Amino acid sequence: MKNIIVFLSCLLFSLTSAAMNKEGSFVQKDNLFPRVKLSTSLGDIVIELDRSRAPITVNNFLTYVVNGDYKGSVFHRVERDEVNETDFVIQGGGYDKEYDGMFERAPIFNESGNGLKNDMYTVAMAYQDNKPHSGTRQFFFNMNDNDHLNPGRDWGFAVFGSVVEGYETLDKIMQVETGYNSKLGYTFIPKTPVIIFDASVLKAQPL
């Protein structure tokens, strides 16, 4: 009897875990350009993803979205190119409002050779410590035409979508006051956290 109870408990745990870990590849799987809305503390942003060029990166991003992993995360990097006096990137998705790291799934293959460029208002996958295949959940918005982030002789950063609504929200985020954060060790950290309250997949656009 005890063995049966243990078996049923394990089965229930497995089923619950499976239900709680939805795979992005099954989200609107026949839609090459799914859209995701980020609801932030400074407004909404709608991203159109490009499965035709970056299927691995898009499905990875959608996995985090549909499992609620981006809720409560922040944009921890709001950086300008001070040399050229231009905007650079807004990066987020990896830390909570206390700037503690959040749960990460396995890293993915870098799809930077897909033909998409790091142009203004595109979204790309971040990676860590110059390791091109280390991307997990962090992403960034290009706030300029960042040609130096494209692949050349070395790996670049994989663009997997572009902003279709909410340009004004990104512009507002770009204006927040930043400073040094001792926990992260950088000077481009917003002093007041810019929070992602929710990330949701929008209804597929009619053909």
N, C-alpha and C. Protein backbone atom coordinates (compact mmCIF):
# COMPACT_ATOMS: atom_id res chain seq x y z
N MET A 1 0.84 -1.20 0.00
CA MET A 1 0.00 0.00 0.00
C MET A 1 0.88 1.26 0.00
N LYS A 2 1.94 1.21 0.81
CA LYS A 2 2.84 2.35 0.90
C LYS A 2 3.50 2.61 -0.45
N ASN A 3 3.90 1.54 -1.16
CA ASN A 3 4.54 1.68 -2.46
C ASN A 3 3.60 2.32 -3.48
N ILE A 4 2.31 1.96 -3.40
CA ILE A 4 1.31 2.53 -4.31
C ILE A 4 1.17 4.03 -4.06
N ILE A 5 1.16 4.41 -2.77
CA ILE A 5 1.02 5.83 -2.42
C ILE A 5 2.23 6.62 -2.92
N VAL A 6 3.42 6.05 -2.76
CA VAL A 6 4.63 6.70 -3.23
C VAL A 6 4.59 6.85 -4.75
N PHE A 7 4.16 5.78 -5.45
CA PHE A 7 4.07 5.82 -6.90
C PHE A 7 3.11 6.90 -7.37
N LEU A 8 1.93 6.96 -6.73
CA LEU A 8 0.93 7.96 -7.11
C LEU A 8 1.42 9.37 -6.83
N SER A 9 2.14 9.53 -5.73
CA SER A 9 2.68 10.85 -5.39
C SER A 9 3.70 11.30 -6.43
N CYS A 10 4.56 10.37 -6.85
CA CYS A 10 5.57 10.69 -7.88
C CYS A 10 4.90 11.01 -9.21
N LEU A 11 3.85 10.24 -9.54
CA LEU A 11 3.14 10.48 -10.79
C LEU A 11 2.48 11.84 -10.78
N LEU A 12 1.85 12.20 -9.65
CA LEU A 12 1.20 13.49 -9.53
C LEU A 12 2.21 14.62 -9.65
N PHE A 13 3.38 14.43 -9.01
CA PHE A 13 4.43 15.44 -9.09
C PHE A 13 4.90 15.62 -10.52
N SER A 14 5.07 14.51 -11.24
CA SER A 14 5.54 14.56 -12.62
C SER A 14 4.53 15.28 -13.51
N LEU A 15 3.24 14.95 -13.32
CA LEU A 15 2.20 15.58 -14.12
C LEU A 15 2.10 17.07 -13.82
N THR A 16 2.23 17.42 -12.55
CA THR A 16 2.17 18.83 -12.14
C THR A 16 3.35 19.60 -12.71
N SER A 17 4.53 18.99 -12.66
CA SER A 17 5.73 19.64 -13.20
C SER A 17 5.61 19.86 -14.69
N ALA A 18 5.07 18.85 -15.38
CA ALA A 18 4.90 18.96 -16.83
C ALA A 18 3.92 20.07 -17.18
N ALA A 19 2.85 20.17 -16.37
CA ALA A 19 1.84 21.19 -16.63
C ALA A 19 2.39 22.59 -16.37
N MET A 20 3.33 22.68 -15.41
CA MET A 20 3.89 23.97 -15.04
C MET A 20 5.06 24.37 -15.94
N ASN A 21 5.55 23.46 -16.76
CA ASN A 21 6.67 23.75 -17.64
C ASN A 21 6.25 23.56 -19.09
N LYS A 22 5.51 24.54 -19.59
CA LYS A 22 5.05 24.50 -20.96
C LYS A 22 6.21 24.85 -21.90
N GLU A 23 6.18 24.25 -23.05
CA GLU A 23 7.24 24.48 -24.03
C GLU A 23 6.81 25.54 -25.05
N GLY A 24 7.68 26.51 -25.29
CA GLY A 24 7.37 27.57 -26.23
C GLY A 24 7.14 27.10 -27.64
N SER A 25 7.72 25.96 -28.01
CA SER A 25 7.56 25.44 -29.37
C SER A 25 6.12 25.06 -29.69
N PHE A 26 5.30 24.86 -28.63
CA PHE A 26 3.89 24.50 -28.83
C PHE A 26 2.97 25.71 -28.78
N VAL A 27 3.52 26.88 -28.53
CA VAL A 27 2.72 28.11 -28.45
C VAL A 27 2.51 28.65 -29.85
N GLN A 28 1.26 28.64 -30.30
CA GLN A 28 0.93 29.09 -31.66
C GLN A 28 1.96 28.51 -32.64
N LYS A 29 2.11 27.19 -32.60
CA LYS A 29 3.20 26.54 -33.31
C LYS A 29 3.17 26.73 -34.83
N ASP A 30 2.02 27.07 -35.39
CA ASP A 30 1.94 27.31 -36.82
C ASP A 30 2.08 28.79 -37.18
N ASN A 31 2.31 29.61 -36.16
CA ASN A 31 2.44 31.05 -36.37
C ASN A 31 3.93 31.42 -36.37
N LEU A 32 4.44 31.86 -37.51
CA LEU A 32 5.85 32.22 -37.59
C LEU A 32 6.17 33.54 -36.92
N PHE A 33 5.14 34.35 -36.67
CA PHE A 33 5.39 35.68 -36.10
C PHE A 33 4.47 35.95 -34.89
N PRO A 34 4.60 35.16 -33.84
CA PRO A 34 3.78 35.42 -32.64
C PRO A 34 4.15 36.75 -32.00
N ARG A 35 3.18 37.32 -31.30
CA ARG A 35 3.42 38.60 -30.63
C ARG A 35 3.30 38.45 -29.12
N VAL A 36 4.18 39.14 -28.41
CA VAL A 36 4.20 39.11 -26.94
C VAL A 36 4.09 40.53 -26.42
N LYS A 37 3.23 40.72 -25.42
CA LYS A 37 3.11 42.04 -24.77
C LYS A 37 3.80 42.01 -23.42
N LEU A 38 4.70 42.95 -23.20
CA LEU A 38 5.32 43.15 -21.90
C LEU A 38 4.62 44.33 -21.22
N SER A 39 4.04 44.08 -20.05
CA SER A 39 3.41 45.14 -19.28
C SER A 39 4.40 45.58 -18.20
N THR A 40 4.90 46.80 -18.31
CA THR A 40 5.94 47.27 -17.41
C THR A 40 5.45 48.45 -16.57
N SER A 41 6.27 48.83 -15.61
CA SER A 41 5.90 49.93 -14.73
C SER A 41 5.92 51.28 -15.44
N LEU A 42 6.43 51.32 -16.68
CA LEU A 42 6.42 52.56 -17.45
C LEU A 42 5.59 52.47 -18.71
N GLY A 43 4.83 51.38 -18.87
CA GLY A 43 3.98 51.23 -20.04
C GLY A 43 4.15 49.88 -20.71
N ASP A 44 3.38 49.67 -21.78
CA ASP A 44 3.40 48.38 -22.48
C ASP A 44 4.34 48.41 -23.69
N ILE A 45 4.84 47.23 -24.02
CA ILE A 45 5.68 47.04 -25.20
C ILE A 45 5.18 45.78 -25.90
N VAL A 46 4.95 45.85 -27.20
CA VAL A 46 4.55 44.67 -27.97
C VAL A 46 5.68 44.31 -28.93
N ILE A 47 6.09 43.05 -28.86
CA ILE A 47 7.18 42.54 -29.70
C ILE A 47 6.62 41.53 -30.68
N GLU A 48 6.99 41.66 -31.94
CA GLU A 48 6.68 40.62 -32.92
C GLU A 48 7.92 39.74 -33.08
N LEU A 49 7.78 38.47 -32.75
CA LEU A 49 8.88 37.53 -32.82
C LEU A 49 9.00 36.95 -34.22
N ASP A 50 10.19 36.46 -34.55
CA ASP A 50 10.42 35.93 -35.90
C ASP A 50 10.92 34.49 -35.82
N ARG A 51 9.97 33.56 -35.85
CA ARG A 51 10.31 32.14 -35.82
C ARG A 51 10.98 31.68 -37.11
N SER A 52 10.72 32.37 -38.20
CA SER A 52 11.28 31.95 -39.49
C SER A 52 12.80 32.10 -39.50
N ARG A 53 13.32 33.07 -38.76
CA ARG A 53 14.77 33.33 -38.73
C ARG A 53 15.43 32.83 -37.45
N ALA A 54 14.69 32.84 -36.34
CA ALA A 54 15.29 32.50 -35.05
C ALA A 54 14.38 31.56 -34.25
N PRO A 55 14.10 30.36 -34.77
CA PRO A 55 13.15 29.47 -34.09
C PRO A 55 13.59 29.02 -32.70
N ILE A 56 14.87 28.75 -32.52
CA ILE A 56 15.35 28.30 -31.20
C ILE A 56 15.19 29.42 -30.17
N THR A 57 15.60 30.61 -30.55
CA THR A 57 15.56 31.75 -29.64
C THR A 57 14.12 32.16 -29.32
N VAL A 58 13.27 32.17 -30.34
CA VAL A 58 11.86 32.52 -30.13
C VAL A 58 11.18 31.51 -29.22
N ASN A 59 11.37 30.23 -29.48
CA ASN A 59 10.72 29.22 -28.65
C ASN A 59 11.24 29.24 -27.22
N ASN A 60 12.52 29.55 -27.05
CA ASN A 60 13.07 29.69 -25.71
C ASN A 60 12.42 30.86 -24.99
N PHE A 61 12.31 32.00 -25.66
CA PHE A 61 11.68 33.19 -25.07
C PHE A 61 10.23 32.90 -24.71
N LEU A 62 9.51 32.24 -25.60
CA LEU A 62 8.11 31.92 -25.34
C LEU A 62 7.96 30.96 -24.16
N THR A 63 8.93 30.06 -23.98
CA THR A 63 8.88 29.15 -22.83
C THR A 63 8.90 29.95 -21.53
N TYR A 64 9.77 30.94 -21.45
CA TYR A 64 9.81 31.79 -20.25
C TYR A 64 8.51 32.59 -20.10
N VAL A 65 7.98 33.06 -21.23
CA VAL A 65 6.74 33.86 -21.19
C VAL A 65 5.57 33.04 -20.66
N VAL A 66 5.32 31.88 -21.26
CA VAL A 66 4.11 31.12 -20.90
C VAL A 66 4.21 30.46 -19.54
N ASN A 67 5.40 30.34 -19.00
CA ASN A 67 5.55 29.80 -17.65
C ASN A 67 5.59 30.90 -16.58
N GLY A 68 5.39 32.14 -17.01
CA GLY A 68 5.31 33.24 -16.05
C GLY A 68 6.65 33.66 -15.48
N ASP A 69 7.73 33.27 -16.13
CA ASP A 69 9.06 33.51 -15.56
C ASP A 69 9.52 34.97 -15.63
N TYR A 70 8.90 35.75 -16.50
CA TYR A 70 9.31 37.15 -16.60
C TYR A 70 8.54 38.06 -15.64
N LYS A 71 7.51 37.54 -15.00
CA LYS A 71 6.75 38.36 -14.05
C LYS A 71 7.63 38.74 -12.87
N GLY A 72 7.69 40.02 -12.61
CA GLY A 72 8.49 40.50 -11.48
C GLY A 72 9.95 40.71 -11.80
N SER A 73 10.35 40.45 -13.05
CA SER A 73 11.73 40.74 -13.43
C SER A 73 11.85 42.23 -13.79
N VAL A 74 13.08 42.69 -13.97
CA VAL A 74 13.29 44.11 -14.23
C VAL A 74 14.21 44.32 -15.43
N PHE A 75 14.23 45.56 -15.89
CA PHE A 75 15.25 45.99 -16.83
C PHE A 75 16.41 46.52 -15.99
N HIS A 76 17.47 45.73 -15.93
CA HIS A 76 18.58 46.08 -15.04
C HIS A 76 19.67 46.88 -15.72
N ARG A 77 19.59 47.02 -17.03
CA ARG A 77 20.63 47.72 -17.78
C ARG A 77 20.02 48.74 -18.72
N VAL A 78 20.27 50.00 -18.46
CA VAL A 78 19.83 51.08 -19.34
C VAL A 78 21.08 51.88 -19.65
N GLU A 79 21.66 51.64 -20.82
CA GLU A 79 23.00 52.13 -21.09
C GLU A 79 23.06 53.00 -22.34
N ARG A 80 23.79 54.10 -22.22
CA ARG A 80 24.08 54.98 -23.34
C ARG A 80 25.52 54.80 -23.77
N ASP A 81 25.77 55.05 -25.04
CA ASP A 81 27.13 55.10 -25.56
C ASP A 81 27.63 56.52 -25.34
N GLU A 82 28.35 56.71 -24.25
CA GLU A 82 28.77 58.06 -23.88
C GLU A 82 29.80 58.64 -24.85
N VAL A 83 30.56 57.78 -25.48
CA VAL A 83 31.57 58.27 -26.43
C VAL A 83 30.90 58.95 -27.62
N ASN A 84 29.87 58.29 -28.17
CA ASN A 84 29.16 58.83 -29.33
C ASN A 84 27.91 59.61 -28.95
N GLU A 85 27.65 59.68 -27.63
CA GLU A 85 26.48 60.40 -27.10
C GLU A 85 25.19 59.92 -27.76
N THR A 86 25.03 58.60 -27.80
CA THR A 86 23.82 58.00 -28.36
C THR A 86 23.30 56.94 -27.41
N ASP A 87 22.02 56.61 -27.55
CA ASP A 87 21.44 55.52 -26.77
C ASP A 87 22.03 54.19 -27.25
N PHE A 88 22.04 53.19 -26.36
CA PHE A 88 22.67 51.91 -26.70
C PHE A 88 21.67 50.77 -26.54
N VAL A 89 21.46 50.27 -25.32
CA VAL A 89 20.57 49.13 -25.11
C VAL A 89 19.77 49.27 -23.81
N ILE A 90 18.65 48.54 -23.78
CA ILE A 90 17.87 48.32 -22.56
C ILE A 90 17.80 46.80 -22.40
N GLN A 91 18.36 46.30 -21.31
CA GLN A 91 18.44 44.84 -21.12
C GLN A 91 17.70 44.43 -19.86
N GLY A 92 17.04 43.26 -19.92
CA GLY A 92 16.30 42.81 -18.75
C GLY A 92 15.94 41.34 -18.82
N GLY A 93 15.05 40.96 -17.90
CA GLY A 93 14.52 39.60 -17.88
C GLY A 93 15.24 38.64 -16.97
N GLY A 94 16.36 39.05 -16.36
CA GLY A 94 17.16 38.10 -15.60
C GLY A 94 17.21 38.31 -14.10
N TYR A 95 16.76 39.49 -13.63
CA TYR A 95 16.85 39.82 -12.20
C TYR A 95 15.50 40.29 -11.68
N ASP A 96 15.30 40.10 -10.36
CA ASP A 96 14.10 40.65 -9.73
C ASP A 96 14.38 42.08 -9.27
N LYS A 97 13.40 42.71 -8.62
CA LYS A 97 13.55 44.13 -8.26
C LYS A 97 14.59 44.38 -7.19
N GLU A 98 15.05 43.31 -6.53
CA GLU A 98 16.15 43.44 -5.58
C GLU A 98 17.49 43.20 -6.29
N TYR A 99 17.42 42.99 -7.59
CA TYR A 99 18.58 42.69 -8.43
C TYR A 99 19.26 41.38 -8.05
N ASP A 100 18.42 40.44 -7.64
CA ASP A 100 18.87 39.06 -7.44
C ASP A 100 18.56 38.27 -8.71
N GLY A 101 19.44 37.33 -9.07
CA GLY A 101 19.23 36.52 -10.26
C GLY A 101 18.03 35.61 -10.13
N MET A 102 17.34 35.35 -11.25
CA MET A 102 16.15 34.51 -11.27
C MET A 102 16.45 33.18 -11.97
N PHE A 103 15.53 32.24 -11.80
CA PHE A 103 15.68 30.88 -12.34
C PHE A 103 15.99 30.89 -13.83
N GLU A 104 16.97 30.09 -14.23
CA GLU A 104 17.36 29.98 -15.64
C GLU A 104 17.20 28.55 -16.14
N ARG A 105 16.69 28.41 -17.35
CA ARG A 105 16.69 27.11 -18.02
C ARG A 105 18.03 26.91 -18.74
N ALA A 106 18.15 25.79 -19.43
CA ALA A 106 19.40 25.47 -20.10
C ALA A 106 19.72 26.53 -21.17
N PRO A 107 21.01 26.86 -21.36
CA PRO A 107 21.38 27.81 -22.40
C PRO A 107 21.09 27.29 -23.80
N ILE A 108 20.98 28.20 -24.75
CA ILE A 108 20.60 27.84 -26.11
C ILE A 108 21.68 28.20 -27.13
N PHE A 109 21.55 27.62 -28.31
CA PHE A 109 22.46 27.90 -29.42
C PHE A 109 22.27 29.33 -29.91
N ASN A 110 23.36 29.99 -30.22
CA ASN A 110 23.34 31.37 -30.69
C ASN A 110 22.97 31.40 -32.18
N GLU A 111 21.85 32.04 -32.49
CA GLU A 111 21.36 32.12 -33.87
C GLU A 111 21.69 33.47 -34.53
N SER A 112 22.83 34.05 -34.16
CA SER A 112 23.15 35.39 -34.66
C SER A 112 23.40 35.43 -36.17
N GLY A 113 23.62 34.28 -36.81
CA GLY A 113 23.84 34.27 -38.25
C GLY A 113 22.57 34.15 -39.06
N ASN A 114 21.45 34.60 -38.50
CA ASN A 114 20.15 34.40 -39.16
C ASN A 114 19.78 35.52 -40.14
N GLY A 115 20.63 36.50 -40.30
CA GLY A 115 20.35 37.58 -41.24
C GLY A 115 19.67 38.79 -40.64
N LEU A 116 19.14 38.66 -39.42
CA LEU A 116 18.52 39.80 -38.75
C LEU A 116 19.60 40.65 -38.09
N LYS A 117 19.46 41.96 -38.18
CA LYS A 117 20.47 42.89 -37.69
C LYS A 117 20.04 43.55 -36.38
N ASN A 118 21.04 43.95 -35.61
CA ASN A 118 20.78 44.65 -34.35
C ASN A 118 20.48 46.13 -34.62
N ASP A 119 19.37 46.34 -35.31
CA ASP A 119 18.93 47.70 -35.62
C ASP A 119 18.04 48.24 -34.50
N MET A 120 17.80 49.53 -34.54
CA MET A 120 17.02 50.18 -33.50
C MET A 120 15.63 49.54 -33.37
N TYR A 121 15.23 49.35 -32.12
CA TYR A 121 13.93 48.77 -31.74
C TYR A 121 13.80 47.30 -32.10
N THR A 122 14.91 46.62 -32.30
CA THR A 122 14.86 45.15 -32.39
C THR A 122 15.17 44.58 -31.01
N VAL A 123 14.83 43.30 -30.84
CA VAL A 123 15.10 42.62 -29.57
C VAL A 123 16.03 41.45 -29.85
N ALA A 124 17.03 41.28 -28.97
CA ALA A 124 18.05 40.26 -29.18
C ALA A 124 18.31 39.50 -27.89
N MET A 125 18.89 38.31 -28.03
CA MET A 125 19.25 37.48 -26.89
C MET A 125 20.60 37.89 -26.34
N ALA A 126 20.65 38.09 -25.02
CA ALA A 126 21.92 38.40 -24.36
C ALA A 126 22.66 37.12 -24.02
N TYR A 127 23.97 37.21 -23.91
CA TYR A 127 24.73 36.07 -23.39
C TYR A 127 25.79 36.57 -22.42
N GLN A 128 26.42 35.65 -21.71
CA GLN A 128 27.26 36.01 -20.58
C GLN A 128 28.75 35.81 -20.88
N ASP A 129 29.56 36.74 -20.39
CA ASP A 129 31.02 36.56 -20.32
C ASP A 129 31.65 36.15 -21.64
N ASN A 130 31.21 36.76 -22.73
CA ASN A 130 31.78 36.47 -24.06
C ASN A 130 31.65 35.00 -24.47
N LYS A 131 30.65 34.32 -23.90
CA LYS A 131 30.37 32.94 -24.28
C LYS A 131 29.11 32.95 -25.16
N PRO A 132 29.25 32.86 -26.47
CA PRO A 132 28.12 33.10 -27.38
C PRO A 132 26.95 32.15 -27.25
N HIS A 133 27.16 30.96 -26.70
CA HIS A 133 26.06 29.99 -26.57
C HIS A 133 25.59 29.86 -25.12
N SER A 134 25.68 30.95 -24.37
CA SER A 134 25.31 30.93 -22.95
C SER A 134 23.99 31.64 -22.67
N GLY A 135 23.27 32.07 -23.73
CA GLY A 135 22.02 32.80 -23.53
C GLY A 135 20.94 31.94 -22.88
N THR A 136 20.23 32.51 -21.94
CA THR A 136 19.12 31.80 -21.28
C THR A 136 17.85 32.66 -21.30
N ARG A 137 17.73 33.60 -20.39
CA ARG A 137 16.47 34.34 -20.26
C ARG A 137 16.63 35.85 -20.47
N GLN A 138 17.84 36.36 -20.43
CA GLN A 138 18.01 37.80 -20.60
C GLN A 138 17.95 38.20 -22.07
N PHE A 139 17.31 39.32 -22.32
CA PHE A 139 17.18 39.86 -23.67
C PHE A 139 17.41 41.36 -23.62
N PHE A 140 17.63 41.96 -24.78
CA PHE A 140 17.81 43.41 -24.78
C PHE A 140 17.18 44.03 -26.02
N PHE A 141 16.77 45.28 -25.84
CA PHE A 141 16.27 46.10 -26.94
C PHE A 141 17.41 46.97 -27.45
N ASN A 142 17.62 46.94 -28.75
CA ASN A 142 18.57 47.86 -29.35
C ASN A 142 17.93 49.24 -29.44
N MET A 143 18.61 50.22 -28.85
CA MET A 143 18.09 51.58 -28.87
C MET A 143 18.86 52.47 -29.85
N ASN A 144 19.54 51.80 -30.76
CA ASN A 144 20.25 52.45 -31.85
C ASN A 144 20.55 51.37 -32.88
N ASP A 145 21.08 51.75 -34.00
CA ASP A 145 21.55 50.75 -34.97
C ASP A 145 22.93 50.29 -34.51
N ASN A 146 22.97 49.18 -33.77
CA ASN A 146 24.20 48.70 -33.16
C ASN A 146 24.89 47.67 -34.06
N ASP A 147 25.50 48.18 -35.12
CA ASP A 147 26.12 47.29 -36.10
C ASP A 147 27.21 46.41 -35.49
N HIS A 148 27.90 46.92 -34.46
CA HIS A 148 29.00 46.15 -33.87
C HIS A 148 28.53 44.92 -33.10
N LEU A 149 27.21 44.79 -32.90
CA LEU A 149 26.66 43.61 -32.23
C LEU A 149 26.30 42.50 -33.21
N ASN A 150 26.40 42.80 -34.50
CA ASN A 150 26.10 41.80 -35.52
C ASN A 150 27.28 40.85 -35.70
N PRO A 151 27.03 39.63 -36.20
CA PRO A 151 28.14 38.70 -36.39
C PRO A 151 29.06 39.14 -37.52
N GLY A 152 30.32 38.79 -37.36
CA GLY A 152 31.31 39.04 -38.40
C GLY A 152 32.26 37.85 -38.39
N ARG A 153 33.51 38.10 -38.03
CA ARG A 153 34.44 36.98 -37.86
C ARG A 153 34.12 36.21 -36.57
N ASP A 154 33.49 36.92 -35.63
CA ASP A 154 33.07 36.31 -34.37
C ASP A 154 31.55 36.26 -34.29
N TRP A 155 31.06 35.54 -33.29
CA TRP A 155 29.62 35.47 -33.05
C TRP A 155 29.09 36.84 -32.66
N GLY A 156 27.87 37.12 -33.10
CA GLY A 156 27.19 38.33 -32.68
C GLY A 156 26.07 37.99 -31.71
N PHE A 157 25.12 38.91 -31.57
CA PHE A 157 23.97 38.71 -30.70
C PHE A 157 22.74 38.44 -31.58
N ALA A 158 22.03 37.38 -31.26
CA ALA A 158 20.93 36.91 -32.11
C ALA A 158 19.68 37.77 -31.95
N VAL A 159 19.31 38.46 -33.00
CA VAL A 159 18.04 39.20 -33.04
C VAL A 159 16.93 38.20 -33.31
N PHE A 160 15.83 38.31 -32.54
CA PHE A 160 14.73 37.37 -32.73
C PHE A 160 13.36 38.03 -32.81
N GLY A 161 13.34 39.35 -32.94
CA GLY A 161 12.07 40.04 -33.08
C GLY A 161 12.26 41.54 -33.13
N SER A 162 11.15 42.25 -33.23
CA SER A 162 11.20 43.71 -33.27
C SER A 162 9.97 44.29 -32.59
N VAL A 163 10.11 45.49 -32.12
CA VAL A 163 9.02 46.19 -31.44
C VAL A 163 8.02 46.69 -32.48
N VAL A 164 6.74 46.44 -32.21
CA VAL A 164 5.69 46.95 -33.11
C VAL A 164 4.79 47.96 -32.40
N GLU A 165 4.82 47.96 -31.08
CA GLU A 165 4.08 48.97 -30.29
C GLU A 165 4.88 49.24 -29.02
N GLY A 166 4.77 50.47 -28.54
CA GLY A 166 5.43 50.80 -27.28
C GLY A 166 6.79 51.45 -27.40
N TYR A 167 7.04 52.07 -28.54
CA TYR A 167 8.31 52.78 -28.71
C TYR A 167 8.47 53.85 -27.64
N GLU A 168 7.34 54.51 -27.32
CA GLU A 168 7.38 55.59 -26.32
C GLU A 168 7.73 55.04 -24.94
N THR A 169 7.34 53.78 -24.67
CA THR A 169 7.69 53.17 -23.39
C THR A 169 9.20 52.95 -23.30
N LEU A 170 9.77 52.43 -24.37
CA LEU A 170 11.23 52.24 -24.39
C LEU A 170 11.96 53.57 -24.27
N ASP A 171 11.44 54.59 -24.92
CA ASP A 171 12.07 55.91 -24.83
C ASP A 171 12.01 56.43 -23.39
N LYS A 172 10.90 56.15 -22.69
CA LYS A 172 10.79 56.56 -21.29
C LYS A 172 11.78 55.80 -20.42
N ILE A 173 11.90 54.50 -20.67
CA ILE A 173 12.86 53.71 -19.89
C ILE A 173 14.27 54.24 -20.10
N MET A 174 14.56 54.64 -21.32
CA MET A 174 15.90 55.15 -21.64
C MET A 174 16.23 56.41 -20.87
N GLN A 175 15.21 57.09 -20.37
CA GLN A 175 15.43 58.36 -19.66
C GLN A 175 15.52 58.21 -18.15
N VAL A 176 15.35 57.00 -17.62
CA VAL A 176 15.39 56.84 -16.16
C VAL A 176 16.78 57.12 -15.63
N GLU A 177 16.82 57.53 -14.37
CA GLU A 177 18.10 57.82 -13.74
C GLU A 177 18.81 56.52 -13.38
N THR A 178 20.06 56.43 -13.73
CA THR A 178 20.85 55.23 -13.45
C THR A 178 22.03 55.58 -12.55
N GLY A 179 22.63 54.55 -11.97
CA GLY A 179 23.78 54.77 -11.11
C GLY A 179 24.45 53.45 -10.79
N TYR A 180 25.44 53.52 -9.91
CA TYR A 180 26.20 52.33 -9.53
C TYR A 180 25.39 51.46 -8.59
N ASN A 181 25.39 50.15 -8.85
CA ASN A 181 24.74 49.18 -7.96
C ASN A 181 25.81 48.21 -7.48
N SER A 182 26.02 48.17 -6.17
CA SER A 182 27.10 47.36 -5.61
C SER A 182 26.86 45.86 -5.80
N LYS A 183 25.59 45.46 -5.88
CA LYS A 183 25.29 44.03 -6.04
C LYS A 183 25.70 43.53 -7.42
N LEU A 184 25.42 44.34 -8.45
CA LEU A 184 25.74 43.95 -9.82
C LEU A 184 27.10 44.48 -10.27
N GLY A 185 27.56 45.56 -9.63
CA GLY A 185 28.87 46.09 -9.95
C GLY A 185 28.93 46.94 -11.21
N TYR A 186 27.79 47.52 -11.61
CA TYR A 186 27.76 48.35 -12.82
C TYR A 186 27.13 49.71 -12.51
N THR A 187 27.38 50.66 -13.40
CA THR A 187 26.88 52.02 -13.20
C THR A 187 25.62 52.34 -13.99
N PHE A 188 25.16 51.37 -14.82
CA PHE A 188 24.00 51.64 -15.69
C PHE A 188 22.72 51.04 -15.14
N ILE A 189 22.64 50.87 -13.83
CA ILE A 189 21.48 50.24 -13.19
C ILE A 189 20.45 51.30 -12.80
N PRO A 190 19.17 51.13 -13.21
CA PRO A 190 18.15 52.10 -12.80
C PRO A 190 18.05 52.22 -11.28
N LYS A 191 18.02 53.45 -10.79
CA LYS A 191 17.92 53.67 -9.35
C LYS A 191 16.54 53.28 -8.83
N THR A 192 15.52 53.49 -9.66
CA THR A 192 14.17 52.99 -9.36
C THR A 192 13.90 51.86 -10.33
N PRO A 193 13.70 50.63 -9.84
CA PRO A 193 13.55 49.48 -10.75
C PRO A 193 12.42 49.67 -11.76
N VAL A 194 12.69 49.33 -13.00
CA VAL A 194 11.66 49.30 -14.05
C VAL A 194 11.20 47.85 -14.16
N ILE A 195 9.99 47.59 -13.70
CA ILE A 195 9.52 46.23 -13.48
C ILE A 195 8.67 45.72 -14.65
N ILE A 196 8.88 44.47 -15.01
CA ILE A 196 7.99 43.78 -15.94
C ILE A 196 6.91 43.10 -15.10
N PHE A 197 5.72 43.66 -15.09
CA PHE A 197 4.63 43.10 -14.30
C PHE A 197 4.10 41.80 -14.90
N ASP A 198 4.07 41.75 -16.23
CA ASP A 198 3.52 40.58 -16.90
C ASP A 198 4.07 40.48 -18.33
N ALA A 199 4.12 39.25 -18.83
CA ALA A 199 4.48 39.01 -20.23
C ALA A 199 3.47 37.99 -20.75
N SER A 200 2.79 38.33 -21.82
CA SER A 200 1.71 37.46 -22.32
C SER A 200 1.75 37.37 -23.83
N VAL A 201 1.33 36.20 -24.34
CA VAL A 201 1.25 35.98 -25.78
C VAL A 201 -0.08 36.53 -26.28
N LEU A 202 -0.04 37.36 -27.30
CA LEU A 202 -1.26 37.94 -27.84
C LEU A 202 -1.92 36.98 -28.83
N LYS A 203 -3.18 37.18 -29.04
CA LYS A 203 -3.93 36.38 -30.00
C LYS A 203 -3.31 36.52 -31.38
N ALA A 204 -3.23 35.42 -32.10
CA ALA A 204 -2.60 35.42 -33.42
C ALA A 204 -3.32 36.39 -34.36
N GLN A 205 -2.53 37.10 -35.17
CA GLN A 205 -3.07 38.03 -36.14
C GLN A 205 -3.74 37.25 -37.28
N PRO A 206 -4.90 37.70 -37.78
CA PRO A 206 -5.54 37.01 -38.91
C PRO A 206 -4.70 37.15 -40.17
N LEU A 207 -4.71 36.11 -40.99
CA LEU A 207 -3.94 36.11 -42.24
C LEU A 207 -4.60 37.01 -43.27
